Structures are given as structure tokens and as C-alpha cells.
Amino acid sequence: MQRTLLLVTLVLVGALTAAALRQHGDWGIVGPHLKSFGGAKMFVNLVIALTRVRMWHDAKARGRNIRPWIVLTLPAGTIGPLPYLLTRKPA
């Protein structure tokens, strides 16, 4: 059930991302976050939270290489952690 929910979330977020890219382009998605220090701070915090808190410790505990997922998360945002979670084996 959890894996199904992750897969559905990935598909929906992927569709939302594709629609946003089609309408606004790369810079149109990132640009608004960088118009103020507050927006930039929130954007950076999101990237840090997604990469370091959950994935880093989980990957280390499972002996997985975290670098590809961090690289994917930086430009793709929430798209990066979802495939990581989908490809991890149950404990």
C-alpha cells in the first residue's frame, strides 16, 4: 500500500511538474523563489531538508550511494526523493 501511494504521488507530482515546465519553463519555476531573501531561504531549506534529513541517514543505513539522489533532488525538487523511496528495499 505504501509503495502504491508513493508511485501515485510520483506520477501526480511528475504531471504537475511537466505542466509547470510547459507553462513557465525552468526559470519560471525557480525564479520566483529567488526574488527575495525569504523566498530563496525557503527554497534552499527545502532542498536541504529533502536531501539530508531523510535520504542521507536511510541510504547510509542501507549501504546505498546517496550522491545520485542528491544530484537529482537539486534540480528536480520533490521528484528526487520519490524514486529513491520507490527503489529502496524493505527493511
PDB file of N, CA and C in Angstrom:
ATOM      1  N   MET A   1       0.824  -1.207   0.000  1.00  0.00           N
ATOM      2  CA  MET A   1       0.000   0.000   0.000  1.00  0.00           C
ATOM      3  C   MET A   1       0.860   1.259   0.000  1.00  0.00           C
ATOM      4  N   GLN A   2       1.901   1.273   0.840  1.00  0.00           N
ATOM      5  CA  GLN A   2       2.765   2.448   0.913  1.00  0.00           C
ATOM      6  C   GLN A   2       3.482   2.662  -0.429  1.00  0.00           C
ATOM      7  N   ARG A   3       3.936   1.579  -1.037  1.00  0.00           N
ATOM      8  CA  ARG A   3       4.621   1.681  -2.331  1.00  0.00           C
ATOM      9  C   ARG A   3       3.665   2.209  -3.401  1.00  0.00           C
ATOM     10  N   THR A   4       2.425   1.774  -3.384  1.00  0.00           N
ATOM     11  CA  THR A   4       1.425   2.251  -4.329  1.00  0.00           C
ATOM     12  C   THR A   4       1.177   3.743  -4.145  1.00  0.00           C
ATOM     13  N   LEU A   5       1.089   4.178  -2.903  1.00  0.00           N
ATOM     14  CA  LEU A   5       0.889   5.598  -2.616  1.00  0.00           C
ATOM     15  C   LEU A   5       2.080   6.427  -3.104  1.00  0.00           C
ATOM     16  N   LEU A   6       3.287   5.919  -2.908  1.00  0.00           N
ATOM     17  CA  LEU A   6       4.478   6.619  -3.403  1.00  0.00           C
ATOM     18  C   LEU A   6       4.467   6.704  -4.929  1.00  0.00           C
ATOM     19  N   LEU A   7       4.079   5.629  -5.577  1.00  0.00           N
ATOM     20  CA  LEU A   7       4.042   5.609  -7.041  1.00  0.00           C
ATOM     21  C   LEU A   7       2.992   6.586  -7.569  1.00  0.00           C
ATOM     22  N   VAL A   8       1.814   6.605  -6.965  1.00  0.00           N
ATOM     23  CA  VAL A   8       0.767   7.550  -7.362  1.00  0.00           C
ATOM     24  C   VAL A   8       1.240   8.983  -7.135  1.00  0.00           C
ATOM     25  N   THR A   9       1.888   9.235  -6.000  1.00  0.00           N
ATOM     26  CA  THR A   9       2.416  10.570  -5.711  1.00  0.00           C
ATOM     27  C   THR A   9       3.449  10.975  -6.747  1.00  0.00           C
ATOM     28  N   LEU A  10       4.342  10.053  -7.110  1.00  0.00           N
ATOM     29  CA  LEU A  10       5.354  10.344  -8.127  1.00  0.00           C
ATOM     30  C   LEU A  10       4.711  10.714  -9.459  1.00  0.00           C
ATOM     31  N   VAL A  11       3.713   9.964  -9.875  1.00  0.00           N
ATOM     32  CA  VAL A  11       3.039  10.244 -11.145  1.00  0.00           C
ATOM     33  C   VAL A  11       2.347  11.608 -11.101  1.00  0.00           C
ATOM     34  N   LEU A  12       1.644  11.896 -10.003  1.00  0.00           N
ATOM     35  CA  LEU A  12       0.928  13.178  -9.899  1.00  0.00           C
ATOM     36  C   LEU A  12       1.891  14.367  -9.829  1.00  0.00           C
ATOM     37  N   VAL A  13       2.948  14.235  -9.042  1.00  0.00           N
ATOM     38  CA  VAL A  13       3.931  15.326  -8.945  1.00  0.00           C
ATOM     39  C   VAL A  13       4.660  15.479 -10.276  1.00  0.00           C
ATOM     40  N   GLY A  14       4.933  14.364 -10.942  1.00  0.00           N
ATOM     41  CA  GLY A  14       5.564  14.437 -12.266  1.00  0.00           C
ATOM     42  C   GLY A  14       4.688  15.160 -13.271  1.00  0.00           C
ATOM     43  N   ALA A  15       3.387  14.884 -13.244  1.00  0.00           N
ATOM     44  CA  ALA A  15       2.454  15.569 -14.152  1.00  0.00           C
ATOM     45  C   ALA A  15       2.367  17.049 -13.832  1.00  0.00           C
ATOM     46  N   LEU A  16       2.330  17.385 -12.552  1.00  0.00           N
ATOM     47  CA  LEU A  16       2.302  18.794 -12.141  1.00  0.00           C
ATOM     48  C   LEU A  16       3.576  19.507 -12.566  1.00  0.00           C
ATOM     49  N   THR A  17       4.706  18.829 -12.399  1.00  0.00           N
ATOM     50  CA  THR A  17       5.991  19.405 -12.806  1.00  0.00           C
ATOM     51  C   THR A  17       6.032  19.627 -14.317  1.00  0.00           C
ATOM     52  N   ALA A  18       5.569  18.644 -15.085  1.00  0.00           N
ATOM     53  CA  ALA A  18       5.551  18.784 -16.545  1.00  0.00           C
ATOM     54  C   ALA A  18       4.667  19.949 -16.976  1.00  0.00           C
ATOM     55  N   ALA A  19       3.504  20.095 -16.345  1.00  0.00           N
ATOM     56  CA  ALA A  19       2.609  21.208 -16.681  1.00  0.00           C
ATOM     57  C   ALA A  19       3.247  22.550 -16.327  1.00  0.00           C
ATOM     58  N   ALA A  20       3.894  22.621 -15.174  1.00  0.00           N
ATOM     59  CA  ALA A  20       4.551  23.874 -14.765  1.00  0.00           C
ATOM     60  C   ALA A  20       5.708  24.218 -15.696  1.00  0.00           C
ATOM     61  N   LEU A  21       6.488  23.212 -16.076  1.00  0.00           N
ATOM     62  CA  LEU A  21       7.597  23.448 -17.018  1.00  0.00           C
ATOM     63  C   LEU A  21       7.082  23.909 -18.367  1.00  0.00           C
ATOM     64  N   ARG A  22       6.007  23.297 -18.833  1.00  0.00           N
ATOM     65  CA  ARG A  22       5.432  23.678 -20.124  1.00  0.00           C
ATOM     66  C   ARG A  22       4.922  25.119 -20.088  1.00  0.00           C
ATOM     67  N   GLN A  23       4.307  25.501 -18.972  1.00  0.00           N
ATOM     68  CA  GLN A  23       3.725  26.835 -18.881  1.00  0.00           C
ATOM     69  C   GLN A  23       4.754  27.914 -18.564  1.00  0.00           C
ATOM     70  N   HIS A  24       5.712  27.609 -17.663  1.00  0.00           N
ATOM     71  CA  HIS A  24       6.609  28.652 -17.164  1.00  0.00           C
ATOM     72  C   HIS A  24       8.078  28.465 -17.524  1.00  0.00           C
ATOM     73  N   GLY A  25       8.490  27.259 -17.898  1.00  0.00           N
ATOM     74  CA  GLY A  25       9.896  26.974 -18.164  1.00  0.00           C
ATOM     75  C   GLY A  25      10.669  26.803 -16.863  1.00  0.00           C
ATOM     76  N   ASP A  26      11.947  26.421 -16.993  1.00  0.00           N
ATOM     77  CA  ASP A  26      12.785  26.183 -15.814  1.00  0.00           C
ATOM     78  C   ASP A  26      12.863  27.405 -14.907  1.00  0.00           C
ATOM     79  N   TRP A  27      13.222  28.520 -15.501  1.00  0.00           N
ATOM     80  CA  TRP A  27      13.420  29.723 -14.692  1.00  0.00           C
ATOM     81  C   TRP A  27      12.113  30.232 -14.098  1.00  0.00           C
ATOM     82  N   GLY A  28      11.028  30.005 -14.765  1.00  0.00           N
ATOM     83  CA  GLY A  28       9.735  30.430 -14.246  1.00  0.00           C
ATOM     84  C   GLY A  28       9.333  29.703 -12.977  1.00  0.00           C
ATOM     85  N   ILE A  29       9.866  28.506 -12.775  1.00  0.00           N
ATOM     86  CA  ILE A  29       9.597  27.753 -11.556  1.00  0.00           C
ATOM     87  C   ILE A  29      10.536  28.186 -10.438  1.00  0.00           C
ATOM     88  N   VAL A  30      11.809  28.314 -10.740  1.00  0.00           N
ATOM     89  CA  VAL A  30      12.805  28.654  -9.719  1.00  0.00           C
ATOM     90  C   VAL A  30      12.850  30.155  -9.450  1.00  0.00           C
ATOM     91  N   GLY A  31      12.703  30.960 -10.479  1.00  0.00           N
ATOM     92  CA  GLY A  31      12.855  32.410 -10.374  1.00  0.00           C
ATOM     93  C   GLY A  31      12.071  33.082  -9.265  1.00  0.00           C
ATOM     94  N   PRO A  32      10.785  32.797  -9.103  1.00  0.00           N
ATOM     95  CA  PRO A  32      10.020  33.465  -8.044  1.00  0.00           C
ATOM     96  C   PRO A  32      10.574  33.240  -6.639  1.00  0.00           C
ATOM     97  N   HIS A  33      11.217  32.102  -6.433  1.00  0.00           N
ATOM     98  CA  HIS A  33      11.792  31.819  -5.119  1.00  0.00           C
ATOM     99  C   HIS A  33      13.028  32.672  -4.851  1.00  0.00           C
ATOM    100  N   LEU A  34      13.628  33.176  -5.893  1.00  0.00           N
ATOM    101  CA  LEU A  34      14.860  33.935  -5.742  1.00  0.00           C
ATOM    102  C   LEU A  34      14.645  35.448  -5.818  1.00  0.00           C
ATOM    103  N   LYS A  35      13.402  35.898  -5.816  1.00  0.00           N
ATOM    104  CA  LYS A  35      13.118  37.327  -5.885  1.00  0.00           C
ATOM    105  C   LYS A  35      13.284  38.022  -4.553  1.00  0.00           C
ATOM    106  N   SER A  36      13.328  37.262  -3.489  1.00  0.00           N
ATOM    107  CA  SER A  36      13.546  37.851  -2.171  1.00  0.00           C
ATOM    108  C   SER A  36      14.434  36.913  -1.364  1.00  0.00           C
ATOM    109  N   PHE A  37      15.056  37.444  -0.332  1.00  0.00           N
ATOM    110  CA  PHE A  37      15.883  36.600   0.528  1.00  0.00           C
ATOM    111  C   PHE A  37      15.027  35.554   1.245  1.00  0.00           C
ATOM    112  N   GLY A  38      13.812  35.920   1.595  1.00  0.00           N
ATOM    113  CA  GLY A  38      12.918  34.981   2.261  1.00  0.00           C
ATOM    114  C   GLY A  38      12.556  33.808   1.368  1.00  0.00           C
ATOM    115  N   GLY A  39      12.233  34.104   0.121  1.00  0.00           N
ATOM    116  CA  GLY A  39      11.910  33.043  -0.829  1.00  0.00           C
ATOM    117  C   GLY A  39      13.103  32.148  -1.105  1.00  0.00           C
ATOM    118  N   ALA A  40      14.276  32.751  -1.267  1.00  0.00           N
ATOM    119  CA  ALA A  40      15.492  31.969  -1.507  1.00  0.00           C
ATOM    120  C   ALA A  40      15.806  31.083  -0.307  1.00  0.00           C
ATOM    121  N   LYS A  41      15.605  31.626   0.890  1.00  0.00           N
ATOM    122  CA  LYS A  41      15.863  30.862   2.108  1.00  0.00           C
ATOM    123  C   LYS A  41      14.950  29.636   2.170  1.00  0.00           C
ATOM    124  N   MET A  42      13.683  29.811   1.852  1.00  0.00           N
ATOM    125  CA  MET A  42      12.740  28.693   1.892  1.00  0.00           C
ATOM    126  C   MET A  42      13.095  27.646   0.828  1.00  0.00           C
ATOM    127  N   PHE A  43      13.508  28.086  -0.337  1.00  0.00           N
ATOM    128  CA  PHE A  43      13.895  27.168  -1.406  1.00  0.00           C
ATOM    129  C   PHE A  43      15.108  26.334  -0.986  1.00  0.00           C
ATOM    130  N   VAL A  44      16.113  27.004  -0.456  1.00  0.00           N
ATOM    131  CA  VAL A  44      17.321  26.309  -0.003  1.00  0.00           C
ATOM    132  C   VAL A  44      16.992  25.357   1.145  1.00  0.00           C
ATOM    133  N   ASN A  45      16.155  25.796   2.080  1.00  0.00           N
ATOM    134  CA  ASN A  45      15.767  24.927   3.195  1.00  0.00           C
ATOM    135  C   ASN A  45      15.064  23.670   2.702  1.00  0.00           C
ATOM    136  N   LEU A  46      14.212  23.811   1.718  1.00  0.00           N
ATOM    137  CA  LEU A  46      13.507  22.658   1.172  1.00  0.00           C
ATOM    138  C   LEU A  46      14.488  21.658   0.573  1.00  0.00           C
ATOM    139  N   VAL A  47      15.420  22.150  -0.213  1.00  0.00           N
ATOM    140  CA  VAL A  47      16.401  21.261  -0.834  1.00  0.00           C
ATOM    141  C   VAL A  47      17.232  20.556   0.234  1.00  0.00           C
ATOM    142  N   ILE A  48      17.670  21.300   1.234  1.00  0.00           N
ATOM    143  CA  ILE A  48      18.476  20.706   2.304  1.00  0.00           C
ATOM    144  C   ILE A  48      17.667  19.660   3.064  1.00  0.00           C
ATOM    145  N   ALA A  49      16.451  19.988   3.402  1.00  0.00           N
ATOM    146  CA  ALA A  49      15.614  19.054   4.162  1.00  0.00           C
ATOM    147  C   ALA A  49      15.355  17.771   3.384  1.00  0.00           C
ATOM    148  N   LEU A  50      15.083  17.898   2.109  1.00  0.00           N
ATOM    149  CA  LEU A  50      14.789  16.717   1.303  1.00  0.00           C
ATOM    150  C   LEU A  50      15.999  15.813   1.125  1.00  0.00           C
ATOM    151  N   THR A  51      17.165  16.395   1.025  1.00  0.00           N
ATOM    152  CA  THR A  51      18.343  15.578   0.752  1.00  0.00           C
ATOM    153  C   THR A  51      19.009  15.050   2.013  1.00  0.00           C
ATOM    154  N   ARG A  52      19.104  15.860   3.025  1.00  0.00           N
ATOM    155  CA  ARG A  52      19.925  15.468   4.160  1.00  0.00           C
ATOM    156  C   ARG A  52      19.187  14.696   5.226  1.00  0.00           C
ATOM    157  N   VAL A  53      18.026  15.117   5.621  1.00  0.00           N
ATOM    158  CA  VAL A  53      17.366  14.521   6.770  1.00  0.00           C
ATOM    159  C   VAL A  53      16.946  13.087   6.508  1.00  0.00           C
ATOM    160  N   ARG A  54      16.183  12.874   5.486  1.00  0.00           N
ATOM    161  CA  ARG A  54      15.595  11.553   5.255  1.00  0.00           C
ATOM    162  C   ARG A  54      16.512  10.617   4.487  1.00  0.00           C
ATOM    163  N   MET A  55      16.925  11.061   3.341  1.00  0.00           N
ATOM    164  CA  MET A  55      17.641  10.180   2.436  1.00  0.00           C
ATOM    165  C   MET A  55      19.046   9.847   2.914  1.00  0.00           C
ATOM    166  N   TRP A  56      19.734  10.804   3.481  1.00  0.00           N
ATOM    167  CA  TRP A  56      21.126  10.602   3.884  1.00  0.00           C
ATOM    168  C   TRP A  56      21.241   9.469   4.901  1.00  0.00           C
ATOM    169  N   HIS A  57      20.464   9.558   5.967  1.00  0.00           N
ATOM    170  CA  HIS A  57      20.534   8.542   7.019  1.00  0.00           C
ATOM    171  C   HIS A  57      20.016   7.185   6.537  1.00  0.00           C
ATOM    172  N   ASP A  58      18.965   7.210   5.759  1.00  0.00           N
ATOM    173  CA  ASP A  58      18.404   5.974   5.248  1.00  0.00           C
ATOM    174  C   ASP A  58      19.386   5.276   4.309  1.00  0.00           C
ATOM    175  N   ALA A  59      19.989   6.032   3.414  1.00  0.00           N
ATOM    176  CA  ALA A  59      20.936   5.455   2.453  1.00  0.00           C
ATOM    177  C   ALA A  59      22.160   4.893   3.177  1.00  0.00           C
ATOM    178  N   LYS A  60      22.634   5.613   4.167  1.00  0.00           N
ATOM    179  CA  LYS A  60      23.794   5.149   4.926  1.00  0.00           C
ATOM    180  C   LYS A  60      23.464   3.838   5.644  1.00  0.00           C
ATOM    181  N   ALA A  61      22.304   3.774   6.252  1.00  0.00           N
ATOM    182  CA  ALA A  61      21.899   2.567   6.975  1.00  0.00           C
ATOM    183  C   ALA A  61      21.736   1.371   6.038  1.00  0.00           C
ATOM    184  N   ARG A  62      21.372   1.636   4.790  1.00  0.00           N
ATOM    185  CA  ARG A  62      21.140   0.560   3.834  1.00  0.00           C
ATOM    186  C   ARG A  62      22.339   0.303   2.928  1.00  0.00           C
ATOM    187  N   GLY A  63      23.400   1.085   3.088  1.00  0.00           N
ATOM    188  CA  GLY A  63      24.591   0.896   2.259  1.00  0.00           C
ATOM    189  C   GLY A  63      24.412   1.362   0.830  1.00  0.00           C
ATOM    190  N   ARG A  64      23.549   2.344   0.617  1.00  0.00           N
ATOM    191  CA  ARG A  64      23.290   2.863  -0.736  1.00  0.00           C
ATOM    192  C   ARG A  64      24.087   4.144  -0.970  1.00  0.00           C
ATOM    193  N   ASN A  65      24.405   4.415  -2.228  1.00  0.00           N
ATOM    194  CA  ASN A  65      25.086   5.651  -2.611  1.00  0.00           C
ATOM    195  C   ASN A  65      24.046   6.769  -2.708  1.00  0.00           C
ATOM    196  N   ILE A  66      24.208   7.805  -1.909  1.00  0.00           N
ATOM    197  CA  ILE A  66      23.225   8.891  -1.848  1.00  0.00           C
ATOM    198  C   ILE A  66      23.471   9.964  -2.918  1.00  0.00           C
ATOM    199  N   ARG A  67      24.673  10.027  -3.464  1.00  0.00           N
ATOM    200  CA  ARG A  67      25.018  11.129  -4.373  1.00  0.00           C
ATOM    201  C   ARG A  67      24.088  11.281  -5.583  1.00  0.00           C
ATOM    202  N   PRO A  68      23.722  10.204  -6.294  1.00  0.00           N
ATOM    203  CA  PRO A  68      22.822  10.398  -7.448  1.00  0.00           C
ATOM    204  C   PRO A  68      21.471  11.005  -7.050  1.00  0.00           C
ATOM    205  N   TRP A  69      20.981  10.646  -5.889  1.00  0.00           N
ATOM    206  CA  TRP A  69      19.677  11.143  -5.452  1.00  0.00           C
ATOM    207  C   TRP A  69      19.763  12.608  -5.047  1.00  0.00           C
ATOM    208  N   ILE A  70      20.889  12.999  -4.453  1.00  0.00           N
ATOM    209  CA  ILE A  70      21.080  14.414  -4.113  1.00  0.00           C
ATOM    210  C   ILE A  70      21.175  15.237  -5.384  1.00  0.00           C
ATOM    211  N   VAL A  71      21.945  14.737  -6.349  1.00  0.00           N
ATOM    212  CA  VAL A  71      22.087  15.444  -7.630  1.00  0.00           C
ATOM    213  C   VAL A  71      20.725  15.570  -8.310  1.00  0.00           C
ATOM    214  N   LEU A  72      19.904  14.542  -8.254  1.00  0.00           N
ATOM    215  CA  LEU A  72      18.575  14.584  -8.858  1.00  0.00           C
ATOM    216  C   LEU A  72      17.651  15.548  -8.114  1.00  0.00           C
ATOM    217  N   THR A  73      17.783  15.603  -6.792  1.00  0.00           N
ATOM    218  CA  THR A  73      16.909  16.451  -5.982  1.00  0.00           C
ATOM    219  C   THR A  73      17.194  17.937  -6.185  1.00  0.00           C
ATOM    220  N   LEU A  74      18.437  18.308  -6.401  1.00  0.00           N
ATOM    221  CA  LEU A  74      18.766  19.728  -6.548  1.00  0.00           C
ATOM    222  C   LEU A  74      17.987  20.389  -7.685  1.00  0.00           C
ATOM    223  N   PRO A  75      17.995  19.840  -8.915  1.00  0.00           N
ATOM    224  CA  PRO A  75      17.206  20.487  -9.958  1.00  0.00           C
ATOM    225  C   PRO A  75      15.740  20.066  -9.987  1.00  0.00           C
ATOM    226  N   ALA A  76      15.434  18.869  -9.474  1.00  0.00           N
ATOM    227  CA  ALA A  76      14.090  18.328  -9.635  1.00  0.00           C
ATOM    228  C   ALA A  76      13.204  18.484  -8.399  1.00  0.00           C
ATOM    229  N   GLY A  77      13.757  18.938  -7.299  1.00  0.00           N
ATOM    230  CA  GLY A  77      12.957  19.113  -6.084  1.00  0.00           C
ATOM    231  C   GLY A  77      12.390  17.799  -5.592  1.00  0.00           C
ATOM    232  N   THR A  78      11.087  17.738  -5.405  1.00  0.00           N
ATOM    233  CA  THR A  78      10.454  16.558  -4.824  1.00  0.00           C
ATOM    234  C   THR A  78      10.501  15.344  -5.729  1.00  0.00           C
ATOM    235  N   ILE A  79      10.847  15.518  -6.977  1.00  0.00           N
ATOM    236  CA  ILE A  79      10.962  14.374  -7.882  1.00  0.00           C
ATOM    237  C   ILE A  79      12.139  13.483  -7.463  1.00  0.00           C
ATOM    238  N   GLY A  80      13.185  14.042  -6.888  1.00  0.00           N
ATOM    239  CA  GLY A  80      14.365  13.269  -6.488  1.00  0.00           C
ATOM    240  C   GLY A  80      14.121  12.233  -5.406  1.00  0.00           C
ATOM    241  N   PRO A  81      13.516  12.591  -4.297  1.00  0.00           N
ATOM    242  CA  PRO A  81      13.333  11.616  -3.216  1.00  0.00           C
ATOM    243  C   PRO A  81      12.324  10.514  -3.525  1.00  0.00           C
ATOM    244  N   LEU A  82      11.350  10.777  -4.347  1.00  0.00           N
ATOM    245  CA  LEU A  82      10.321   9.770  -4.604  1.00  0.00           C
ATOM    246  C   LEU A  82      10.882   8.517  -5.297  1.00  0.00           C
ATOM    247  N   PRO A  83      11.682   8.643  -6.365  1.00  0.00           N
ATOM    248  CA  PRO A  83      12.271   7.423  -6.938  1.00  0.00           C
ATOM    249  C   PRO A  83      13.206   6.715  -5.957  1.00  0.00           C
ATOM    250  N   TYR A  84      13.894   7.479  -5.122  1.00  0.00           N
ATOM    251  CA  TYR A  84      14.743   6.860  -4.103  1.00  0.00           C
ATOM    252  C   TYR A  84      13.896   5.961  -3.204  1.00  0.00           C
ATOM    253  N   LEU A  85      12.787   6.482  -2.743  1.00  0.00           N
ATOM    254  CA  LEU A  85      11.917   5.705  -1.861  1.00  0.00           C
ATOM    255  C   LEU A  85      11.294   4.507  -2.591  1.00  0.00           C
ATOM    256  N   LEU A  86      10.988   4.685  -3.865  1.00  0.00           N
ATOM    257  CA  LEU A  86      10.411   3.580  -4.635  1.00  0.00           C
ATOM    258  C   LEU A  86      11.411   2.454  -4.879  1.00  0.00           C
ATOM    259  N   THR A  87      12.685   2.775  -4.977  1.00  0.00           N
ATOM    260  CA  THR A  87      13.698   1.763  -5.288  1.00  0.00           C
ATOM    261  C   THR A  87      14.350   1.163  -4.058  1.00  0.00           C
ATOM    262  N   ARG A  88      14.004   1.625  -2.885  1.00  0.00           N
ATOM    263  CA  ARG A  88      14.639   1.040  -1.704  1.00  0.00           C
ATOM    264  C   ARG A  88      13.936  -0.251  -1.314  1.00  0.00           C
ATOM    265  N   LYS A  89      14.739  -1.178  -0.889  1.00  0.00           N
ATOM    266  CA  LYS A  89      14.195  -2.476  -0.495  1.00  0.00           C
ATOM    267  C   LYS A  89      13.646  -2.408   0.925  1.00  0.00           C
ATOM    268  N   PRO A  90      12.573  -3.143   1.204  1.00  0.00           N
ATOM    269  CA  PRO A  90      12.018  -3.142   2.568  1.00  0.00           C
ATOM    270  C   PRO A  90      13.054  -3.636   3.584  1.00  0.00           C
ATOM    271  N   ALA A  91      12.978  -3.078   4.785  1.00  0.00           N
ATOM    272  CA  ALA A  91      13.946  -3.469   5.839  1.00  0.00           C
ATOM    273  C   ALA A  91      13.661  -4.866   6.333  1.00  0.00           C
TER     274      ALA A  91
END
